[in-house]
């Protein structure tokens, strides 16, 4: 069976990332892509970073000199073996923890939401206007419900 490839690079020291969390992240990505009709072979890279690093990346690539929660860099390349390289997701772990507390849900729920949100960007979804925003939010909701994760409770 052909599988997707997920590369996770933990470049932060804010919090230890357990193997269970890494497996959860991989499961979220795999299931979300399946729901969106993207089947292997595919490849996604995820970097978990600290606030200073995401600020630098945001400034360098988007011209915005501020810390954010997540960034997406779609690639839409195909390797000679047919693997679809979807792109890179960069997650600010500090913001994951802050937003989970702010919104009153688990860090795992916040991590999964930001991953789904970013993954949809890799697939071409956006939220620049109301129509796009509504479509993207609808897809986020469908995926989070499929994963059994809702805003109030978490997994």
Protein backbone atom coordinates (compact mmCIF):
# COMPACT_ATOMS: atom_id res chain seq x y z
CA UNK A 1 0.00 0.00 0.00
CA UNK A 2 1.32 3.44 -0.94
CA UNK A 3 1.48 5.86 1.97
CA UNK A 4 1.90 9.55 2.48
CA UNK A 5 5.09 10.93 3.96
CA UNK A 6 5.08 13.41 6.80
CA UNK A 7 8.31 15.01 7.93
CA UNK A 8 8.19 16.67 11.34
CA UNK A 9 11.01 18.91 12.52
CA UNK A 10 10.73 20.01 16.15
CA UNK A 11 12.90 23.13 16.44
CA UNK A 12 11.53 24.52 19.69
CA UNK A 13 12.42 24.09 23.35
CA UNK A 14 9.21 25.49 24.86
CA UNK A 15 7.65 22.11 25.39
CA UNK A 16 8.67 18.51 24.96
CA UNK A 17 6.77 16.95 22.07
CA UNK A 18 5.88 13.35 22.87
CA UNK A 19 5.77 10.52 20.36
CA UNK A 20 2.03 10.36 21.08
CA UNK A 21 1.65 14.00 19.99
CA UNK A 22 3.67 13.36 16.84
CA UNK A 23 1.51 10.34 15.99
CA UNK A 24 -1.62 12.41 16.66
CA UNK A 25 -0.34 15.12 14.30
CA UNK A 26 0.36 12.55 11.59
CA UNK A 27 -3.12 11.07 12.05
CA UNK A 28 -4.74 14.52 11.73
CA UNK A 29 -2.84 15.21 8.50
CA UNK A 30 -3.54 11.80 6.97
CA UNK A 31 -7.25 11.85 7.78
CA UNK A 32 -7.73 15.49 6.74
CA UNK A 33 -6.12 14.83 3.37
CA UNK A 34 -8.30 11.74 2.89
CA UNK A 35 -11.43 13.76 3.63
CA UNK A 36 -10.30 16.30 1.04
CA UNK A 37 -9.78 13.54 -1.53
CA UNK A 38 -5.98 13.75 -1.54
CA UNK A 39 -4.65 10.22 -1.48
CA UNK A 40 -1.08 8.93 -1.33
CA UNK A 41 1.50 9.26 -2.47
CA UNK A 42 1.86 12.75 -0.99
CA UNK A 43 4.38 14.55 1.18
CA UNK A 44 3.94 17.24 3.85
CA UNK A 45 6.59 18.88 6.04
CA UNK A 46 5.77 20.26 9.48
CA UNK A 47 8.14 22.42 11.51
CA UNK A 48 7.33 23.18 15.13
CA UNK A 49 9.10 26.40 16.07
CA UNK A 50 9.46 29.10 18.70
CA UNK A 51 8.01 32.63 18.41
CA UNK A 52 11.23 34.30 17.24
CA UNK A 53 11.67 31.85 14.37
CA UNK A 54 8.10 32.15 13.07
CA UNK A 55 8.40 35.93 13.28
CA UNK A 56 11.57 35.83 11.15
CA UNK A 57 9.93 33.53 8.60
CA UNK A 58 6.78 35.68 8.51
CA UNK A 59 8.91 38.78 7.93
CA UNK A 60 11.14 37.17 5.29
CA UNK A 61 8.41 35.55 3.20
CA UNK A 62 5.34 37.71 3.83
CA UNK A 63 6.84 41.07 4.76
CA UNK A 64 4.97 40.98 8.09
CA UNK A 65 7.22 41.56 11.10
CA UNK A 66 5.12 39.89 13.76
CA UNK A 67 4.66 36.58 15.52
CA UNK A 68 1.83 34.40 14.24
CA UNK A 69 0.42 30.99 15.13
CA UNK A 70 0.91 29.09 11.88
CA UNK A 71 2.26 29.61 8.37
CA UNK A 72 1.65 27.59 5.22
CA UNK A 73 3.85 27.35 2.17
CA UNK A 74 2.15 25.42 -0.65
CA UNK A 75 4.52 23.77 -3.13
CA UNK A 76 2.30 21.78 -5.48
CA UNK A 77 5.22 19.84 -6.93
CA UNK A 78 5.28 16.28 -8.16
CA UNK A 79 8.29 14.01 -7.71
CA UNK A 80 9.35 11.55 -10.42
CA UNK A 81 7.71 8.71 -8.46
CA UNK A 82 4.34 10.53 -8.59
CA UNK A 83 4.46 11.82 -5.01
CA UNK A 84 2.59 15.13 -4.63
CA UNK A 85 4.69 17.48 -2.50
CA UNK A 86 1.98 19.60 -0.91
CA UNK A 87 4.20 21.98 1.04
CA UNK A 88 5.33 23.12 4.45
CA UNK A 89 3.44 23.90 7.65
CA UNK A 90 5.16 25.94 10.35
CA UNK A 91 3.56 25.91 13.80
CA UNK A 92 4.41 28.21 16.70
CA UNK A 93 4.14 25.96 19.78
CA UNK A 94 4.08 28.93 22.16
CA UNK A 95 1.00 30.30 20.39
CA UNK A 96 -0.63 26.83 20.44
CA UNK A 97 -0.39 26.84 24.23
CA UNK A 98 -1.53 30.47 24.59
CA UNK A 99 -4.52 30.09 22.27
CA UNK A 100 -5.63 26.82 23.86
CA UNK A 101 -5.76 28.58 27.22
CA UNK A 102 -7.43 31.67 25.73
CA UNK A 103 -10.13 29.64 23.97
CA UNK A 104 -10.60 27.20 26.86
CA UNK A 105 -9.75 23.98 25.10
CA UNK A 106 -6.89 21.50 25.03
CA UNK A 107 -3.52 22.14 23.43
CA UNK A 108 -4.13 19.03 21.34
CA UNK A 109 -7.34 20.57 19.99
CA UNK A 110 -5.54 23.83 19.14
CA UNK A 111 -2.66 21.96 17.49
CA UNK A 112 -5.09 19.93 15.40
CA UNK A 113 -7.10 22.99 14.36
CA UNK A 114 -4.01 24.94 13.30
CA UNK A 115 -2.75 21.90 11.40
CA UNK A 116 -6.07 21.45 9.58
CA UNK A 117 -6.24 25.18 8.83
CA UNK A 118 -2.72 25.21 7.44
CA UNK A 119 -3.24 21.99 5.49
CA UNK A 120 -6.26 23.53 3.77
CA UNK A 121 -4.04 26.44 2.72
CA UNK A 122 -1.66 23.89 1.16
CA UNK A 123 -4.63 22.59 -0.82
CA UNK A 124 -5.50 26.04 -2.15
CA UNK A 125 -8.13 27.22 0.32
CA UNK A 126 -7.90 30.80 1.54
CA UNK A 127 -9.84 33.38 3.53
CA UNK A 128 -9.16 36.63 1.69
CA UNK A 129 -12.84 37.37 1.05
CA UNK A 130 -16.10 36.30 2.69
CA UNK A 131 -16.91 33.59 0.14
CA UNK A 132 -13.46 31.97 0.49
CA UNK A 133 -13.55 32.36 4.28
CA UNK A 134 -16.95 30.65 4.53
CA UNK A 135 -15.85 27.75 2.33
CA UNK A 136 -12.61 27.28 4.29
CA UNK A 137 -14.38 27.45 7.67
CA UNK A 138 -16.93 24.90 6.46
CA UNK A 139 -14.15 22.51 5.44
CA UNK A 140 -12.38 23.02 8.79
CA UNK A 141 -15.59 22.19 10.62
CA UNK A 142 -16.23 19.04 8.56
CA UNK A 143 -12.69 17.78 9.14
CA UNK A 144 -12.64 18.58 12.86
CA UNK A 145 -16.00 16.85 13.32
CA UNK A 146 -14.74 13.80 11.41
CA UNK A 147 -11.71 13.73 13.71
CA UNK A 148 -14.04 13.87 16.70
CA UNK A 149 -12.64 17.20 17.83
CA UNK A 150 -14.92 20.08 18.59
CA UNK A 151 -14.27 23.52 20.04
CA UNK A 152 -15.75 22.83 23.46
CA UNK A 153 -14.26 19.44 24.26
CA UNK A 154 -11.28 18.30 22.22
CA UNK A 155 -10.33 14.72 21.39
